[in-house]
């Protein structure tokens, strides 16, 4: 077992997880009788950003708790005694962490092996979990913006769940310059499945049509009009493995807060990138290709006569040269 850069590698670096030492440090945290806002912030700040490796709901709850604390500090200051309601939220957060188990993911993702992705959406959260050879390789959540939470219909949210999965796969493909051959996405919403399969939106969706069309066109754009290469399968709700990733009481409470609005909630434009230590198995022919753009070959020059380029200066006048040689100024 080896730990560095916030991750722990086990089984000969075949599996990856969040740093056990950092996680234990969070679990050992205690609160004084009357904590300040700064002390509450120090608790949630112990959770570092590691996509896929944190237990479900820990990262979204941490981000929303930081927003709550920042809003409270703006009205007072960081050294003010925290309100009991905020202290209770931190206690609920620590309770979540104590009963959670760190995910253990396969470090290697084989582009030639089938990938199964289960997606789900609740009123306020999107979730996905991906498996390869019946072992988890990706686990992600995304809190809906306040506008999407209040405006989108269930079908629109479920379609955004599928988009979340495709977007995740495409970001890995672009970042690593690979192409996954077999990607199957499972959803428990037949309307969202139909939209992807037929690549059109029926007028029966009413006012949601414009939002559904926007998502569909976005997916066609990021897949270079190759959306058909993703297989979309409908599954029953109880068999959807992502169903447990979208609903949790603390997260539901935080998304009902007055501070959770379009003015204070500013989602990042940067999509979560694949973690640096997740490895992608490339096809052998791609690795051995002399035209591999990922690792261009550099040729060393051993010619001893080769010199660095120099600046060409005009010839000095003889009188000026004599002055310089004599040391005069």
Protein backbone atom coordinates (compact mmCIF):
# COMPACT_ATOMS: atom_id res chain seq x y z
CA UNK A 1 0.00 0.00 0.00
CA UNK A 2 1.40 3.37 -1.05
CA UNK A 3 0.00 6.83 -0.34
CA UNK A 4 1.02 10.03 -2.11
CA UNK A 5 -0.62 13.14 -3.55
CA UNK A 6 -3.82 12.44 -1.65
CA UNK A 7 -4.46 8.95 -3.03
CA UNK A 8 -3.71 5.43 -1.83
CA UNK A 9 -2.63 2.70 -4.26
CA UNK A 10 -3.16 -0.92 -3.25
CA UNK A 11 -2.81 -4.42 -4.74
CA UNK A 12 0.36 -3.54 -6.60
CA UNK A 13 -1.10 -0.20 -7.73
CA UNK A 14 -4.00 -2.05 -9.37
CA UNK A 15 -6.60 -0.26 -7.23
CA UNK A 16 -6.88 3.37 -6.18
CA UNK A 17 -8.70 5.09 -3.31
CA UNK A 18 -8.76 8.31 -1.36
CA UNK A 19 -5.84 8.76 1.04
CA UNK A 20 -6.57 6.61 4.10
CA UNK A 21 -4.53 8.92 6.33
CA UNK A 22 -6.42 12.04 5.23
CA UNK A 23 -9.75 10.31 5.66
CA UNK A 24 -8.86 9.15 9.16
CA UNK A 25 -7.79 12.69 10.04
CA UNK A 26 -11.29 13.86 9.09
CA UNK A 27 -12.95 11.11 11.12
CA UNK A 28 -10.88 12.06 14.18
CA UNK A 29 -12.14 15.66 14.03
CA UNK A 30 -14.00 16.98 17.06
CA UNK A 31 -15.84 20.23 17.70
CA UNK A 32 -15.45 22.44 20.78
CA UNK A 33 -18.59 23.31 22.79
CA UNK A 34 -19.09 26.68 21.06
CA UNK A 35 -17.16 26.56 17.78
CA UNK A 36 -16.46 29.58 15.62
CA UNK A 37 -17.15 29.76 11.91
CA UNK A 38 -13.43 29.36 11.29
CA UNK A 39 -13.35 26.13 13.30
CA UNK A 40 -16.31 24.74 11.35
CA UNK A 41 -14.61 25.63 8.10
CA UNK A 42 -11.47 23.81 9.18
CA UNK A 43 -13.53 20.61 9.46
CA UNK A 44 -14.95 20.60 5.93
CA UNK A 45 -11.67 21.92 4.50
CA UNK A 46 -10.02 18.61 5.42
CA UNK A 47 -11.83 17.04 2.47
CA UNK A 48 -9.67 17.59 -0.60
CA UNK A 49 -10.96 17.49 -4.16
CA UNK A 50 -10.54 14.00 -5.63
CA UNK A 51 -13.09 13.09 -8.32
CA UNK A 52 -14.43 9.53 -8.08
CA UNK A 53 -12.58 8.67 -4.87
CA UNK A 54 -14.77 10.25 -2.19
CA UNK A 55 -17.81 8.42 -0.80
CA UNK A 56 -21.19 9.45 -2.22
CA UNK A 57 -22.53 12.86 -1.12
CA UNK A 58 -19.35 13.89 0.74
CA UNK A 59 -18.05 16.30 -1.91
CA UNK A 60 -21.38 17.99 -2.83
CA UNK A 61 -22.29 18.39 0.85
CA UNK A 62 -18.83 19.82 1.58
CA UNK A 63 -19.15 22.40 -1.21
CA UNK A 64 -22.59 23.55 -0.09
CA UNK A 65 -21.51 23.69 3.55
CA UNK A 66 -18.62 25.95 2.59
CA UNK A 67 -21.10 28.26 0.89
CA UNK A 68 -23.26 28.33 4.03
CA UNK A 69 -20.26 29.17 6.21
CA UNK A 70 -19.03 31.87 3.82
CA UNK A 71 -22.45 33.50 3.78
CA UNK A 72 -22.54 33.51 7.60
CA UNK A 73 -19.03 35.00 7.76
CA UNK A 74 -20.01 37.78 5.35
CA UNK A 75 -22.67 38.99 7.79
CA UNK A 76 -20.35 38.74 10.82
CA UNK A 77 -16.73 37.49 10.71
CA UNK A 78 -14.91 34.18 10.73
CA UNK A 79 -14.12 34.36 14.45
CA UNK A 80 -17.77 34.76 15.44
CA UNK A 81 -19.51 31.95 17.29
CA UNK A 82 -21.42 29.78 14.85
CA UNK A 83 -25.18 29.50 14.98
CA UNK A 84 -26.48 26.19 16.41
CA UNK A 85 -28.09 25.38 13.04
CA UNK A 86 -24.68 25.51 11.32
CA UNK A 87 -23.10 23.40 14.05
CA UNK A 88 -25.83 20.79 13.56
CA UNK A 89 -25.12 20.69 9.82
CA UNK A 90 -21.44 19.99 10.50
CA UNK A 91 -22.42 17.23 12.92
CA UNK A 92 -24.62 15.68 10.22
CA UNK A 93 -21.72 15.96 7.77
CA UNK A 94 -19.35 14.16 10.16
CA UNK A 95 -22.02 11.53 10.72
CA UNK A 96 -22.19 11.01 6.95
CA UNK A 97 -18.42 10.58 6.79
CA UNK A 98 -18.33 8.13 9.70
CA UNK A 99 -20.86 5.77 8.15
CA UNK A 100 -19.38 6.00 4.64
CA UNK A 101 -16.87 3.60 3.14
CA UNK A 102 -14.10 4.83 0.86
CA UNK A 103 -14.65 3.60 -2.72
CA UNK A 104 -12.00 1.24 -4.07
CA UNK A 105 -11.74 1.67 -7.83
CA UNK A 106 -9.82 -0.15 -10.52
CA UNK A 107 -6.93 2.06 -11.57
CA UNK A 108 -6.71 0.74 -15.11
CA UNK A 109 -9.47 1.39 -17.65
CA UNK A 110 -9.20 -0.75 -20.79
CA UNK A 111 -10.51 1.03 -23.90
CA UNK A 112 -11.18 -2.32 -25.60
CA UNK A 113 -13.36 -3.72 -22.79
CA UNK A 114 -17.07 -2.86 -22.46
CA UNK A 115 -18.02 -0.14 -19.97
CA UNK A 116 -21.42 -0.08 -18.27
CA UNK A 117 -22.58 3.26 -16.85
CA UNK A 118 -25.64 3.58 -14.62
CA UNK A 119 -27.12 7.08 -14.38
CA UNK A 120 -29.90 8.58 -12.30
CA UNK A 121 -31.32 11.97 -11.43
CA UNK A 122 -33.27 13.21 -8.45
CA UNK A 123 -34.87 16.61 -7.88
CA UNK A 124 -31.48 18.14 -7.01
CA UNK A 125 -28.63 15.78 -7.98
CA UNK A 126 -27.22 13.72 -10.85
CA UNK A 127 -25.24 10.56 -10.20
CA UNK A 128 -23.34 7.95 -12.19
CA UNK A 129 -21.34 4.83 -11.50
CA UNK A 130 -19.35 3.02 -14.20
CA UNK A 131 -18.23 -0.61 -14.18
CA UNK A 132 -15.77 -2.59 -16.25
CA UNK A 133 -15.54 -6.35 -15.75
CA UNK A 134 -18.03 -5.94 -12.86
CA UNK A 135 -15.66 -3.64 -10.96
CA UNK A 136 -16.27 0.10 -10.37
CA UNK A 137 -14.04 2.50 -12.29
CA UNK A 138 -15.91 5.84 -12.01
CA UNK A 139 -18.24 7.29 -9.38
CA UNK A 140 -19.45 10.87 -9.75
CA UNK A 141 -22.17 13.25 -8.63
CA UNK A 142 -23.26 16.68 -9.75
CA UNK A 143 -25.64 18.99 -7.90
CA UNK A 144 -28.15 20.69 -10.16
CA UNK A 145 -28.09 24.46 -10.28
CA UNK A 146 -30.99 26.19 -8.49
CA UNK A 147 -32.52 27.16 -11.83
CA UNK A 148 -32.33 23.60 -13.18
CA UNK A 149 -33.65 22.20 -9.90
CA UNK A 150 -36.78 24.36 -10.02
CA UNK A 151 -37.32 24.60 -13.78
CA UNK A 152 -36.53 21.18 -15.22
CA UNK A 153 -39.06 18.36 -15.47
CA UNK A 154 -38.07 14.86 -14.37
CA UNK A 155 -37.48 13.81 -18.01
CA UNK A 156 -35.17 16.78 -18.56
CA UNK A 157 -33.19 15.97 -15.42
CA UNK A 158 -32.87 12.33 -16.47
CA UNK A 159 -31.64 13.39 -19.92
CA UNK A 160 -29.08 15.59 -18.19
CA UNK A 161 -28.02 12.49 -16.27
CA UNK A 162 -27.27 10.70 -19.55
CA UNK A 163 -25.46 13.82 -20.76
CA UNK A 164 -23.40 13.78 -17.56
CA UNK A 165 -22.23 10.24 -18.38
CA UNK A 166 -21.42 10.96 -22.03
CA UNK A 167 -19.67 14.18 -21.08
CA UNK A 168 -17.53 12.29 -18.55
CA UNK A 169 -16.50 9.67 -21.12
CA UNK A 170 -15.77 12.27 -23.78
CA UNK A 171 -13.61 14.32 -21.40
CA UNK A 172 -11.51 11.21 -20.68
CA UNK A 173 -11.23 10.40 -24.39
CA UNK A 174 -10.13 13.92 -25.27
CA UNK A 175 -7.75 14.21 -22.32
CA UNK A 176 -6.08 10.83 -22.95
CA UNK A 177 -6.54 10.71 -26.74
CA UNK A 178 -8.27 7.35 -26.66
CA UNK A 179 -11.55 5.95 -27.94
CA UNK A 180 -13.74 3.63 -25.89
CA UNK A 181 -15.20 1.00 -28.17
CA UNK A 182 -18.17 -0.25 -26.14
CA UNK A 183 -20.06 2.14 -23.84
CA UNK A 184 -23.51 1.19 -22.57
CA UNK A 185 -25.54 3.63 -20.49
CA UNK A 186 -28.41 2.41 -18.31
CA UNK A 187 -31.26 4.75 -17.36
CA UNK A 188 -34.62 4.15 -15.69
CA UNK A 189 -36.31 6.91 -17.74
CA UNK A 190 -37.78 5.70 -21.03
CA UNK A 191 -38.44 9.24 -22.33
CA UNK A 192 -34.77 10.20 -22.03
CA UNK A 193 -33.77 6.91 -23.67
CA UNK A 194 -36.13 7.56 -26.59
CA UNK A 195 -34.73 11.05 -27.19
CA UNK A 196 -31.17 9.70 -27.49
CA UNK A 197 -32.13 6.71 -29.65
CA UNK A 198 -34.26 8.73 -32.08
CA UNK A 199 -32.19 11.93 -31.75
CA UNK A 200 -35.29 14.07 -31.79
CA UNK A 201 -37.62 15.64 -29.24
CA UNK A 202 -41.38 15.20 -29.54
CA UNK A 203 -43.70 18.13 -29.02
CA UNK A 204 -45.54 16.20 -26.31
CA UNK A 205 -42.96 17.52 -23.84
CA UNK A 206 -44.52 20.98 -24.00
CA UNK A 207 -42.52 23.75 -22.35
CA UNK A 208 -39.66 21.34 -21.64
CA UNK A 209 -39.04 20.85 -25.36
CA UNK A 210 -36.61 23.76 -25.61
CA UNK A 211 -34.52 22.44 -22.68
CA UNK A 212 -34.50 18.90 -24.06
CA UNK A 213 -33.45 20.13 -27.51
CA UNK A 214 -30.62 22.12 -25.96
CA UNK A 215 -29.25 19.00 -24.22
CA UNK A 216 -29.66 16.85 -27.34
CA UNK A 217 -27.82 19.35 -29.56
CA UNK A 218 -25.08 19.66 -26.96
CA UNK A 219 -24.59 15.89 -26.99
CA UNK A 220 -24.51 15.79 -30.78
CA UNK A 221 -21.84 18.49 -30.68
CA UNK A 222 -19.51 16.92 -28.12
CA UNK A 223 -19.76 13.50 -29.81
CA UNK A 224 -19.09 14.92 -33.30
CA UNK A 225 -22.52 13.66 -34.41
CA UNK A 226 -21.54 10.14 -33.35
CA UNK A 227 -24.08 9.90 -30.57
CA UNK A 228 -25.26 6.54 -31.89
CA UNK A 229 -22.04 4.88 -30.70
CA UNK A 230 -23.38 5.07 -27.13
CA UNK A 231 -25.85 2.29 -26.40
CA UNK A 232 -28.73 3.47 -24.20
CA UNK A 233 -30.68 0.76 -22.34
CA UNK A 234 -33.73 1.16 -20.12
CA UNK A 235 -33.59 -0.57 -16.75
CA UNK A 236 -36.05 -0.83 -13.89
CA UNK A 237 -35.62 1.64 -11.06
CA UNK A 238 -34.69 -0.94 -8.37
CA UNK A 239 -31.94 -2.39 -10.60
CA UNK A 240 -30.38 1.01 -11.32
CA UNK A 241 -27.10 1.06 -9.38
CA UNK A 242 -26.93 4.86 -9.52
CA UNK A 243 -30.25 5.30 -7.71
CA UNK A 244 -28.52 5.46 -4.32
CA UNK A 245 -26.22 8.29 -5.51
CA UNK A 246 -28.84 11.00 -5.96
CA UNK A 247 -30.79 11.27 -2.69
CA UNK A 248 -29.56 12.03 0.80
CA UNK A 249 -31.30 14.04 3.58
CA UNK A 250 -28.37 16.40 4.30
CA UNK A 251 -27.90 17.24 0.60
CA UNK A 252 -31.65 17.76 0.20
CA UNK A 253 -31.63 20.12 3.19
CA UNK A 254 -28.69 22.12 1.86
CA UNK A 255 -30.32 22.57 -1.56
CA UNK A 256 -33.42 24.01 0.15
CA UNK A 257 -31.40 26.71 1.91
CA UNK A 258 -32.06 30.37 1.16
CA UNK A 259 -28.36 30.69 0.25
CA UNK A 260 -28.78 28.08 -2.48
CA UNK A 261 -29.81 30.45 -5.26
CA UNK A 262 -28.56 31.62 -8.63
CA UNK A 263 -26.75 34.61 -7.08
CA UNK A 264 -24.70 32.59 -4.59
CA UNK A 265 -24.47 29.31 -6.48
CA UNK A 266 -21.97 29.69 -9.31
CA UNK A 267 -21.04 26.27 -10.72
CA UNK A 268 -17.57 26.03 -12.19
CA UNK A 269 -17.29 26.10 -15.97
CA UNK A 270 -14.46 23.57 -15.73
CA UNK A 271 -15.67 20.01 -16.00
CA UNK A 272 -14.15 17.55 -13.54
CA UNK A 273 -11.05 16.11 -15.10
CA UNK A 274 -10.02 12.48 -14.79
CA UNK A 275 -7.76 12.01 -11.80
CA UNK A 276 -4.10 11.97 -12.68
CA UNK A 277 -3.40 8.49 -11.39
CA UNK A 278 -6.16 6.74 -13.31
CA UNK A 279 -4.41 4.92 -16.12
CA UNK A 280 -5.84 4.16 -19.55
CA UNK A 281 -4.79 1.00 -21.36
CA UNK A 282 -4.20 1.96 -24.96
CA UNK A 283 -4.35 -0.53 -27.85
CA UNK A 284 -0.94 -2.02 -28.64
CA UNK A 285 -1.01 -0.75 -32.22
CA UNK A 286 -1.51 2.80 -30.95
CA UNK A 287 1.33 2.56 -28.45
CA UNK A 288 3.76 1.23 -31.06
CA UNK A 289 2.72 3.65 -33.79
CA UNK A 290 5.56 5.94 -34.93
CA UNK A 291 2.96 8.66 -35.53
CA UNK A 292 1.64 8.68 -32.00
CA UNK A 293 0.95 12.40 -31.37
CA UNK A 294 0.83 11.95 -27.61
CA UNK A 295 4.52 11.22 -27.31
CA UNK A 296 6.41 12.67 -30.31
CA UNK A 297 9.94 11.40 -30.70
CA UNK A 298 12.77 13.91 -30.38
CA UNK A 299 16.01 13.38 -32.26
CA UNK A 300 19.28 14.23 -30.51
CA UNK A 301 21.99 15.95 -32.57
CA UNK A 302 25.45 14.58 -31.92
CA UNK A 303 27.30 16.66 -34.55
CA UNK A 304 30.13 18.44 -32.62
CA UNK A 305 30.18 21.21 -35.23
CA UNK A 306 26.64 22.23 -34.43
CA UNK A 307 26.51 25.49 -32.49
CA UNK A 308 23.79 27.64 -31.01
CA UNK A 309 22.59 30.50 -33.20
CA UNK A 310 24.31 33.80 -32.50
CA UNK A 311 23.38 37.40 -33.17
CA UNK A 312 25.09 38.81 -36.27
CA UNK A 313 26.68 42.23 -35.47
CA UNK A 314 28.16 44.72 -37.94
CA UNK A 315 31.96 45.01 -38.12
CA UNK A 316 33.36 47.54 -35.64
CA UNK A 317 35.16 50.63 -36.96
CA UNK A 318 38.99 50.31 -36.46
CA UNK A 319 39.24 53.50 -34.37
CA UNK A 320 36.45 52.37 -32.07
CA UNK A 321 38.07 48.96 -31.75
CA UNK A 322 41.38 50.58 -30.62
CA UNK A 323 39.56 52.60 -27.96
CA UNK A 324 37.83 49.50 -26.59
CA UNK A 325 41.10 47.52 -26.51
CA UNK A 326 42.92 50.33 -24.66
CA UNK A 327 40.23 50.42 -21.96
CA UNK A 328 39.34 54.08 -22.56
CA UNK A 329 35.83 55.31 -21.84
